[in-house]
């Protein structure tokens, strides 16, 4: 008669590891999916020559990307899956989409130089996201190392939106636009520091003048969203190199 294996005791059952849940949190990932869809829509719209819609879709993706992480923290639904999904969504919405929108808008007119500039931007976005993921928790949260990909995408999309809004033909400026797109891509992988605004306490009290300045800023943007949103992102894009030069001069 063969010997039967012993059944595990209840104590052994209690100590055995519990199977990990295979579910995912719905709410934050809905925002991430919305950002991903906006980036995908921007590509399709640019292929159909609808550059204003494409640019707006990138700004929508930027807003949704800013919400998904906050929603996850507020509802305590952060997860490794959500972080990876967010990175993939960012690559589409802030890497591939802006470069293709710029390429379909004007960069295709200058041939290989145009697609090379677009590729520099895409590669910069990919490297920026990979570096950001490996540096989480090990850098000063007050600053980003390199231009954040959402801001870079808005800097490119804002230019397209403003030009279309005022009927500016980008073809005569194709080489300058190619340089601009490539430069934004390189800033993403640079060591230039950009203020992250993560140390701002939005729950605390602020002086009245701060609230008044915010209201004034929103009023100015409402006059011409394409122009002033692009100028705002352009100032932020240039702030990194300018502060880098200032720090170098102070050390000299």
C-alpha atoms as a PDB file:
ATOM      1  CA  UNK A   1       0.000   0.000   0.000  1.00  0.00           C
ATOM      2  CA  UNK A   2       1.490   3.318  -1.056  1.00  0.00           C
ATOM      3  CA  UNK A   3       1.953   6.015   1.515  1.00  0.00           C
ATOM      4  CA  UNK A   4      -0.377   8.976   1.049  1.00  0.00           C
ATOM      5  CA  UNK A   5       1.099  12.507   1.289  1.00  0.00           C
ATOM      6  CA  UNK A   6       0.112  14.445   4.335  1.00  0.00           C
ATOM      7  CA  UNK A   7      -2.490  17.122   3.894  1.00  0.00           C
ATOM      8  CA  UNK A   8      -1.336  20.612   4.843  1.00  0.00           C
ATOM      9  CA  UNK A   9      -2.496  21.766   8.224  1.00  0.00           C
ATOM     10  CA  UNK A  10      -4.575  24.857   8.688  1.00  0.00           C
ATOM     11  CA  UNK A  11      -1.488  26.587  10.078  1.00  0.00           C
ATOM     12  CA  UNK A  12       0.437  25.710   6.935  1.00  0.00           C
ATOM     13  CA  UNK A  13      -2.436  27.041   4.837  1.00  0.00           C
ATOM     14  CA  UNK A  14      -2.343  30.306   6.731  1.00  0.00           C
ATOM     15  CA  UNK A  15       1.391  30.728   6.066  1.00  0.00           C
ATOM     16  CA  UNK A  16       1.179  29.926   2.346  1.00  0.00           C
ATOM     17  CA  UNK A  17       1.422  32.995   0.105  1.00  0.00           C
ATOM     18  CA  UNK A  18      -1.859  34.355  -1.162  1.00  0.00           C
ATOM     19  CA  UNK A  19      -2.288  34.561  -4.936  1.00  0.00           C
ATOM     20  CA  UNK A  20      -1.711  38.082  -6.252  1.00  0.00           C
ATOM     21  CA  UNK A  21      -4.722  39.871  -7.638  1.00  0.00           C
ATOM     22  CA  UNK A  22      -4.687  40.096 -11.418  1.00  0.00           C
ATOM     23  CA  UNK A  23      -7.107  43.001 -11.559  1.00  0.00           C
ATOM     24  CA  UNK A  24      -6.209  46.596 -12.353  1.00  0.00           C
ATOM     25  CA  UNK A  25      -7.536  49.850 -10.991  1.00  0.00           C
ATOM     26  CA  UNK A  26     -10.085  51.306 -13.384  1.00  0.00           C
ATOM     27  CA  UNK A  27     -10.294  55.026 -12.554  1.00  0.00           C
ATOM     28  CA  UNK A  28      -6.679  56.220 -13.032  1.00  0.00           C
ATOM     29  CA  UNK A  29      -6.203  53.966 -16.043  1.00  0.00           C
ATOM     30  CA  UNK A  30      -9.263  55.511 -17.677  1.00  0.00           C
ATOM     31  CA  UNK A  31      -7.497  58.875 -17.632  1.00  0.00           C
ATOM     32  CA  UNK A  32      -4.357  57.249 -19.032  1.00  0.00           C
ATOM     33  CA  UNK A  33      -6.416  55.619 -21.789  1.00  0.00           C
ATOM     34  CA  UNK A  34      -7.966  58.995 -22.580  1.00  0.00           C
ATOM     35  CA  UNK A  35      -4.490  60.521 -22.923  1.00  0.00           C
ATOM     36  CA  UNK A  36      -3.418  57.630 -25.146  1.00  0.00           C
ATOM     37  CA  UNK A  37      -6.497  58.059 -27.340  1.00  0.00           C
ATOM     38  CA  UNK A  38      -5.854  61.807 -27.630  1.00  0.00           C
ATOM     39  CA  UNK A  39      -2.313  61.167 -28.833  1.00  0.00           C
ATOM     40  CA  UNK A  40      -3.519  58.585 -31.339  1.00  0.00           C
ATOM     41  CA  UNK A  41      -6.234  60.963 -32.551  1.00  0.00           C
ATOM     42  CA  UNK A  42      -3.623  63.715 -33.018  1.00  0.00           C
ATOM     43  CA  UNK A  43      -1.674  61.466 -35.398  1.00  0.00           C
ATOM     44  CA  UNK A  44      -4.794  60.571 -37.417  1.00  0.00           C
ATOM     45  CA  UNK A  45      -5.947  64.205 -37.544  1.00  0.00           C
ATOM     46  CA  UNK A  46      -2.557  65.384 -38.811  1.00  0.00           C
ATOM     47  CA  UNK A  47      -2.600  62.727 -41.540  1.00  0.00           C
ATOM     48  CA  UNK A  48      -5.913  64.210 -42.688  1.00  0.00           C
ATOM     49  CA  UNK A  49      -4.554  67.759 -42.617  1.00  0.00           C
ATOM     50  CA  UNK A  50      -6.549  68.751 -39.514  1.00  0.00           C
ATOM     51  CA  UNK A  51      -3.601  70.311 -37.710  1.00  0.00           C
ATOM     52  CA  UNK A  52      -5.595  72.491 -35.332  1.00  0.00           C
ATOM     53  CA  UNK A  53      -7.528  69.467 -34.041  1.00  0.00           C
ATOM     54  CA  UNK A  54      -4.278  67.510 -33.791  1.00  0.00           C
ATOM     55  CA  UNK A  55      -2.606  70.208 -31.701  1.00  0.00           C
ATOM     56  CA  UNK A  56      -5.613  70.559 -29.397  1.00  0.00           C
ATOM     57  CA  UNK A  57      -5.681  66.777 -28.903  1.00  0.00           C
ATOM     58  CA  UNK A  58      -2.079  66.879 -27.639  1.00  0.00           C
ATOM     59  CA  UNK A  59      -3.012  69.556 -25.113  1.00  0.00           C
ATOM     60  CA  UNK A  60      -5.967  67.417 -24.014  1.00  0.00           C
ATOM     61  CA  UNK A  61      -3.580  64.483 -23.558  1.00  0.00           C
ATOM     62  CA  UNK A  62      -1.374  66.751 -21.447  1.00  0.00           C
ATOM     63  CA  UNK A  63      -4.285  67.583 -19.133  1.00  0.00           C
ATOM     64  CA  UNK A  64      -5.385  63.950 -18.810  1.00  0.00           C
ATOM     65  CA  UNK A  65      -1.810  62.848 -18.137  1.00  0.00           C
ATOM     66  CA  UNK A  66      -1.617  65.331 -15.299  1.00  0.00           C
ATOM     67  CA  UNK A  67      -4.844  63.988 -13.812  1.00  0.00           C
ATOM     68  CA  UNK A  68      -4.214  60.233 -13.854  1.00  0.00           C
ATOM     69  CA  UNK A  69      -1.377  60.309 -11.318  1.00  0.00           C
ATOM     70  CA  UNK A  70      -3.211  62.691  -9.017  1.00  0.00           C
ATOM     71  CA  UNK A  71      -6.364  60.588  -9.165  1.00  0.00           C
ATOM     72  CA  UNK A  72      -4.324  57.471  -8.361  1.00  0.00           C
ATOM     73  CA  UNK A  73      -2.764  59.141  -5.315  1.00  0.00           C
ATOM     74  CA  UNK A  74      -6.045  60.640  -4.107  1.00  0.00           C
ATOM     75  CA  UNK A  75      -7.876  57.302  -4.366  1.00  0.00           C
ATOM     76  CA  UNK A  76      -4.895  55.220  -3.212  1.00  0.00           C
ATOM     77  CA  UNK A  77      -4.973  53.231  -6.465  1.00  0.00           C
ATOM     78  CA  UNK A  78      -1.338  53.593  -7.560  1.00  0.00           C
ATOM     79  CA  UNK A  79       0.180  50.453  -9.066  1.00  0.00           C
ATOM     80  CA  UNK A  80       3.183  49.240 -11.033  1.00  0.00           C
ATOM     81  CA  UNK A  81       0.868  48.444 -13.944  1.00  0.00           C
ATOM     82  CA  UNK A  82      -0.447  52.008 -13.942  1.00  0.00           C
ATOM     83  CA  UNK A  83       3.079  53.436 -13.955  1.00  0.00           C
ATOM     84  CA  UNK A  84       4.119  51.295 -16.929  1.00  0.00           C
ATOM     85  CA  UNK A  85       0.894  52.018 -18.802  1.00  0.00           C
ATOM     86  CA  UNK A  86       1.377  55.730 -18.209  1.00  0.00           C
ATOM     87  CA  UNK A  87       4.905  55.623 -19.673  1.00  0.00           C
ATOM     88  CA  UNK A  88       3.700  53.842 -22.801  1.00  0.00           C
ATOM     89  CA  UNK A  89       0.864  56.331 -23.173  1.00  0.00           C
ATOM     90  CA  UNK A  90       3.315  59.227 -22.762  1.00  0.00           C
ATOM     91  CA  UNK A  91       5.515  57.816 -25.504  1.00  0.00           C
ATOM     92  CA  UNK A  92       2.597  57.887 -27.929  1.00  0.00           C
ATOM     93  CA  UNK A  93       1.019  61.183 -26.850  1.00  0.00           C
ATOM     94  CA  UNK A  94       4.175  63.208 -26.158  1.00  0.00           C
ATOM     95  CA  UNK A  95       6.746  61.406 -28.285  1.00  0.00           C
ATOM     96  CA  UNK A  96       5.286  60.000 -31.489  1.00  0.00           C
ATOM     97  CA  UNK A  97       2.262  62.288 -31.887  1.00  0.00           C
ATOM     98  CA  UNK A  98       3.989  65.725 -31.748  1.00  0.00           C
ATOM     99  CA  UNK A  99       6.775  64.632 -34.107  1.00  0.00           C
ATOM    100  CA  UNK A 100       4.307  63.268 -36.676  1.00  0.00           C
ATOM    101  CA  UNK A 101       2.073  66.329 -36.389  1.00  0.00           C
ATOM    102  CA  UNK A 102       5.085  68.582 -37.100  1.00  0.00           C
ATOM    103  CA  UNK A 103       6.250  66.262 -39.882  1.00  0.00           C
ATOM    104  CA  UNK A 104       2.876  66.142 -41.622  1.00  0.00           C
ATOM    105  CA  UNK A 105       2.489  69.890 -41.177  1.00  0.00           C
ATOM    106  CA  UNK A 106       5.729  71.145 -42.712  1.00  0.00           C
ATOM    107  CA  UNK A 107       8.768  68.940 -42.093  1.00  0.00           C
ATOM    108  CA  UNK A 108       7.866  66.544 -44.923  1.00  0.00           C
ATOM    109  CA  UNK A 109       8.551  69.410 -47.357  1.00  0.00           C
ATOM    110  CA  UNK A 110      12.308  69.292 -46.685  1.00  0.00           C
ATOM    111  CA  UNK A 111      12.774  65.564 -47.170  1.00  0.00           C
ATOM    112  CA  UNK A 112      15.302  63.614 -45.138  1.00  0.00           C
ATOM    113  CA  UNK A 113      16.230  66.558 -42.944  1.00  0.00           C
ATOM    114  CA  UNK A 114      12.586  66.852 -41.926  1.00  0.00           C
ATOM    115  CA  UNK A 115      12.142  63.246 -40.880  1.00  0.00           C
ATOM    116  CA  UNK A 116      15.559  63.284 -39.205  1.00  0.00           C
ATOM    117  CA  UNK A 117      14.488  66.243 -37.050  1.00  0.00           C
ATOM    118  CA  UNK A 118      11.251  64.438 -36.222  1.00  0.00           C
ATOM    119  CA  UNK A 119      13.197  61.307 -35.302  1.00  0.00           C
ATOM    120  CA  UNK A 120      15.515  63.252 -32.995  1.00  0.00           C
ATOM    121  CA  UNK A 121      12.427  64.429 -31.157  1.00  0.00           C
ATOM    122  CA  UNK A 122      10.985  60.888 -30.890  1.00  0.00           C
ATOM    123  CA  UNK A 123      14.292  59.448 -29.692  1.00  0.00           C
ATOM    124  CA  UNK A 124      14.652  62.272 -27.183  1.00  0.00           C
ATOM    125  CA  UNK A 125      11.196  61.546 -25.781  1.00  0.00           C
ATOM    126  CA  UNK A 126      11.925  57.810 -25.476  1.00  0.00           C
ATOM    127  CA  UNK A 127      15.245  58.394 -23.735  1.00  0.00           C
ATOM    128  CA  UNK A 128      13.688  61.049 -21.491  1.00  0.00           C
ATOM    129  CA  UNK A 129      10.947  58.682 -20.312  1.00  0.00           C
ATOM    130  CA  UNK A 130      13.387  55.807 -19.770  1.00  0.00           C
ATOM    131  CA  UNK A 131      15.721  58.005 -17.728  1.00  0.00           C
ATOM    132  CA  UNK A 132      12.848  59.446 -15.708  1.00  0.00           C
ATOM    133  CA  UNK A 133      11.617  55.965 -14.764  1.00  0.00           C
ATOM    134  CA  UNK A 134      15.064  54.922 -13.517  1.00  0.00           C
ATOM    135  CA  UNK A 135      15.563  58.112 -11.481  1.00  0.00           C
ATOM    136  CA  UNK A 136      12.307  58.073  -9.530  1.00  0.00           C
ATOM    137  CA  UNK A 137      13.047  58.593  -5.853  1.00  0.00           C
ATOM    138  CA  UNK A 138      16.738  59.390  -6.389  1.00  0.00           C
ATOM    139  CA  UNK A 139      16.633  63.018  -7.562  1.00  0.00           C
ATOM    140  CA  UNK A 140      15.458  66.317  -6.104  1.00  0.00           C
ATOM    141  CA  UNK A 141      11.703  66.398  -6.631  1.00  0.00           C
ATOM    142  CA  UNK A 142      11.786  70.178  -7.069  1.00  0.00           C
ATOM    143  CA  UNK A 143      13.437  69.809 -10.470  1.00  0.00           C
ATOM    144  CA  UNK A 144      13.195  67.719 -13.624  1.00  0.00           C
ATOM    145  CA  UNK A 145      16.440  66.714 -15.300  1.00  0.00           C
ATOM    146  CA  UNK A 146      15.753  67.630 -18.889  1.00  0.00           C
ATOM    147  CA  UNK A 147      12.605  69.125 -20.389  1.00  0.00           C
ATOM    148  CA  UNK A 148       9.530  67.066 -19.369  1.00  0.00           C
ATOM    149  CA  UNK A 149       7.959  65.280 -22.331  1.00  0.00           C
ATOM    150  CA  UNK A 150       4.463  66.827 -21.848  1.00  0.00           C
ATOM    151  CA  UNK A 151       5.967  70.328 -21.916  1.00  0.00           C
ATOM    152  CA  UNK A 152       8.040  69.429 -24.977  1.00  0.00           C
ATOM    153  CA  UNK A 153       4.945  68.114 -26.752  1.00  0.00           C
ATOM    154  CA  UNK A 154       3.023  71.274 -25.917  1.00  0.00           C
ATOM    155  CA  UNK A 155       5.905  73.441 -27.177  1.00  0.00           C
ATOM    156  CA  UNK A 156       5.714  71.712 -30.573  1.00  0.00           C
ATOM    157  CA  UNK A 157       1.922  71.423 -30.731  1.00  0.00           C
ATOM    158  CA  UNK A 158       1.525  75.031 -29.590  1.00  0.00           C
ATOM    159  CA  UNK A 159       3.648  76.262 -32.483  1.00  0.00           C
ATOM    160  CA  UNK A 160       1.525  74.315 -34.966  1.00  0.00           C
ATOM    161  CA  UNK A 161      -1.718  75.508 -33.381  1.00  0.00           C
ATOM    162  CA  UNK A 162      -0.672  79.182 -33.324  1.00  0.00           C
ATOM    163  CA  UNK A 163       0.533  79.073 -36.934  1.00  0.00           C
ATOM    164  CA  UNK A 164      -2.702  77.471 -38.147  1.00  0.00           C
ATOM    165  CA  UNK A 165      -4.787  79.914 -36.091  1.00  0.00           C
ATOM    166  CA  UNK A 166      -3.217  82.907 -37.845  1.00  0.00           C
ATOM    167  CA  UNK A 167      -2.963  81.284 -41.262  1.00  0.00           C
ATOM    168  CA  UNK A 168       0.843  81.243 -41.280  1.00  0.00           C
ATOM    169  CA  UNK A 169       2.340  79.005 -43.962  1.00  0.00           C
ATOM    170  CA  UNK A 170       5.166  77.096 -42.327  1.00  0.00           C
ATOM    171  CA  UNK A 171       6.844  76.021 -45.588  1.00  0.00           C
ATOM    172  CA  UNK A 172       9.135  79.088 -45.887  1.00  0.00           C
ATOM    173  CA  UNK A 173      10.305  78.438 -42.312  1.00  0.00           C
ATOM    174  CA  UNK A 174      10.635  74.655 -42.640  1.00  0.00           C
ATOM    175  CA  UNK A 175      14.365  74.572 -41.827  1.00  0.00           C
ATOM    176  CA  UNK A 176      13.923  76.785 -38.772  1.00  0.00           C
ATOM    177  CA  UNK A 177      11.015  74.620 -37.600  1.00  0.00           C
ATOM    178  CA  UNK A 178      13.124  71.492 -38.092  1.00  0.00           C
ATOM    179  CA  UNK A 179      15.826  73.015 -35.903  1.00  0.00           C
ATOM    180  CA  UNK A 180      13.206  73.984 -33.319  1.00  0.00           C
ATOM    181  CA  UNK A 181      11.714  70.468 -33.163  1.00  0.00           C
ATOM    182  CA  UNK A 182      15.144  68.830 -32.943  1.00  0.00           C
ATOM    183  CA  UNK A 183      16.271  71.304 -30.249  1.00  0.00           C
ATOM    184  CA  UNK A 184      13.208  70.541 -28.132  1.00  0.00           C
ATOM    185  CA  UNK A 185      13.998  66.845 -28.498  1.00  0.00           C
ATOM    186  CA  UNK A 186      17.592  67.375 -27.369  1.00  0.00           C
ATOM    187  CA  UNK A 187      16.483  69.434 -24.377  1.00  0.00           C
ATOM    188  CA  UNK A 188      14.526  66.407 -23.149  1.00  0.00           C
ATOM    189  CA  UNK A 189      17.746  64.380 -22.823  1.00  0.00           C
ATOM    190  CA  UNK A 190      19.912  67.235 -21.581  1.00  0.00           C
ATOM    191  CA  UNK A 191      21.042  67.690 -17.977  1.00  0.00           C
ATOM    192  CA  UNK A 192      19.366  71.093 -17.822  1.00  0.00           C
ATOM    193  CA  UNK A 193      17.195  71.476 -14.721  1.00  0.00           C
ATOM    194  CA  UNK A 194      13.548  72.512 -15.003  1.00  0.00           C
ATOM    195  CA  UNK A 195      11.382  73.543 -12.085  1.00  0.00           C
ATOM    196  CA  UNK A 196       8.805  70.812 -11.391  1.00  0.00           C
ATOM    197  CA  UNK A 197       6.346  72.800  -9.193  1.00  0.00           C
ATOM    198  CA  UNK A 198       6.023  69.658  -7.047  1.00  0.00           C
ATOM    199  CA  UNK A 199       6.925  71.531  -3.878  1.00  0.00           C
ATOM    200  CA  UNK A 200       4.036  73.961  -4.330  1.00  0.00           C
ATOM    201  CA  UNK A 201       1.397  73.390  -1.650  1.00  0.00           C
ATOM    202  CA  UNK A 202      -1.903  73.726  -3.474  1.00  0.00           C
ATOM    203  CA  UNK A 203      -3.813  72.870  -0.286  1.00  0.00           C
ATOM    204  CA  UNK A 204      -2.230  75.577   1.827  1.00  0.00           C
ATOM    205  CA  UNK A 205      -2.977  79.279   2.010  1.00  0.00           C
ATOM    206  CA  UNK A 206      -1.427  81.666  -0.498  1.00  0.00           C
ATOM    207  CA  UNK A 207      -1.247  85.476  -0.653  1.00  0.00           C
ATOM    208  CA  UNK A 208      -4.132  87.164  -2.429  1.00  0.00           C
ATOM    209  CA  UNK A 209      -1.765  88.500  -5.083  1.00  0.00           C
ATOM    210  CA  UNK A 210      -0.986  84.920  -6.196  1.00  0.00           C
ATOM    211  CA  UNK A 211      -4.659  84.170  -6.800  1.00  0.00           C
ATOM    212  CA  UNK A 212      -5.065  87.486  -8.618  1.00  0.00           C
ATOM    213  CA  UNK A 213      -2.077  86.651 -10.844  1.00  0.00           C
ATOM    214  CA  UNK A 214      -3.569  83.245 -11.696  1.00  0.00           C
ATOM    215  CA  UNK A 215      -6.911  84.811 -12.620  1.00  0.00           C
ATOM    216  CA  UNK A 216      -5.124  87.419 -14.741  1.00  0.00           C
ATOM    217  CA  UNK A 217      -3.094  84.716 -16.460  1.00  0.00           C
ATOM    218  CA  UNK A 218      -6.211  82.700 -17.299  1.00  0.00           C
ATOM    219  CA  UNK A 219      -7.844  85.833 -18.660  1.00  0.00           C
ATOM    220  CA  UNK A 220      -4.874  86.544 -20.924  1.00  0.00           C
ATOM    221  CA  UNK A 221      -4.805  82.957 -22.199  1.00  0.00           C
ATOM    222  CA  UNK A 222      -8.527  83.123 -22.980  1.00  0.00           C
ATOM    223  CA  UNK A 223      -7.885  86.037 -25.385  1.00  0.00           C
ATOM    224  CA  UNK A 224      -6.007  83.733 -27.744  1.00  0.00           C
ATOM    225  CA  UNK A 225      -5.368  80.221 -26.363  1.00  0.00           C
ATOM    226  CA  UNK A 226      -3.118  79.092 -29.257  1.00  0.00           C
ATOM    227  CA  UNK A 227      -0.805  82.091 -28.965  1.00  0.00           C
ATOM    228  CA  UNK A 228      -0.527  82.451 -25.214  1.00  0.00           C
ATOM    229  CA  UNK A 229      -0.391  78.726 -24.435  1.00  0.00           C
ATOM    230  CA  UNK A 230       2.476  78.372 -26.897  1.00  0.00           C
ATOM    231  CA  UNK A 231       4.267  81.430 -25.504  1.00  0.00           C
ATOM    232  CA  UNK A 232       3.805  80.119 -21.961  1.00  0.00           C
ATOM    233  CA  UNK A 233       5.325  76.749 -22.872  1.00  0.00           C
ATOM    234  CA  UNK A 234       8.058  78.451 -24.882  1.00  0.00           C
ATOM    235  CA  UNK A 235       9.052  80.526 -21.849  1.00  0.00           C
ATOM    236  CA  UNK A 236       9.161  77.361 -19.729  1.00  0.00           C
ATOM    237  CA  UNK A 237      11.229  75.583 -22.401  1.00  0.00           C
ATOM    238  CA  UNK A 238      13.739  78.433 -22.473  1.00  0.00           C
ATOM    239  CA  UNK A 239      13.827  78.806 -18.691  1.00  0.00           C
ATOM    240  CA  UNK A 240      16.034  75.745 -18.290  1.00  0.00           C
ATOM    241  CA  UNK A 241      18.893  76.882 -20.574  1.00  0.00           C
ATOM    242  CA  UNK A 242      18.677  80.449 -19.236  1.00  0.00           C
ATOM    243  CA  UNK A 243      18.965  79.318 -15.602  1.00  0.00           C
ATOM    244  CA  UNK A 244      21.776  76.944 -16.600  1.00  0.00           C
ATOM    245  CA  UNK A 245      23.756  79.876 -18.042  1.00  0.00           C
ATOM    246  CA  UNK A 246      23.061  81.970 -14.919  1.00  0.00           C
ATOM    247  CA  UNK A 247      24.336  79.183 -12.641  1.00  0.00           C
ATOM    248  CA  UNK A 248      27.467  78.744 -14.741  1.00  0.00           C
ATOM    249  CA  UNK A 249      28.248  82.465 -14.524  1.00  0.00           C
ATOM    250  CA  UNK A 250      27.779  82.462 -10.752  1.00  0.00           C
ATOM    251  CA  UNK A 251      30.227  79.578 -10.392  1.00  0.00           C
ATOM    252  CA  UNK A 252      32.782  81.231 -12.670  1.00  0.00           C
END
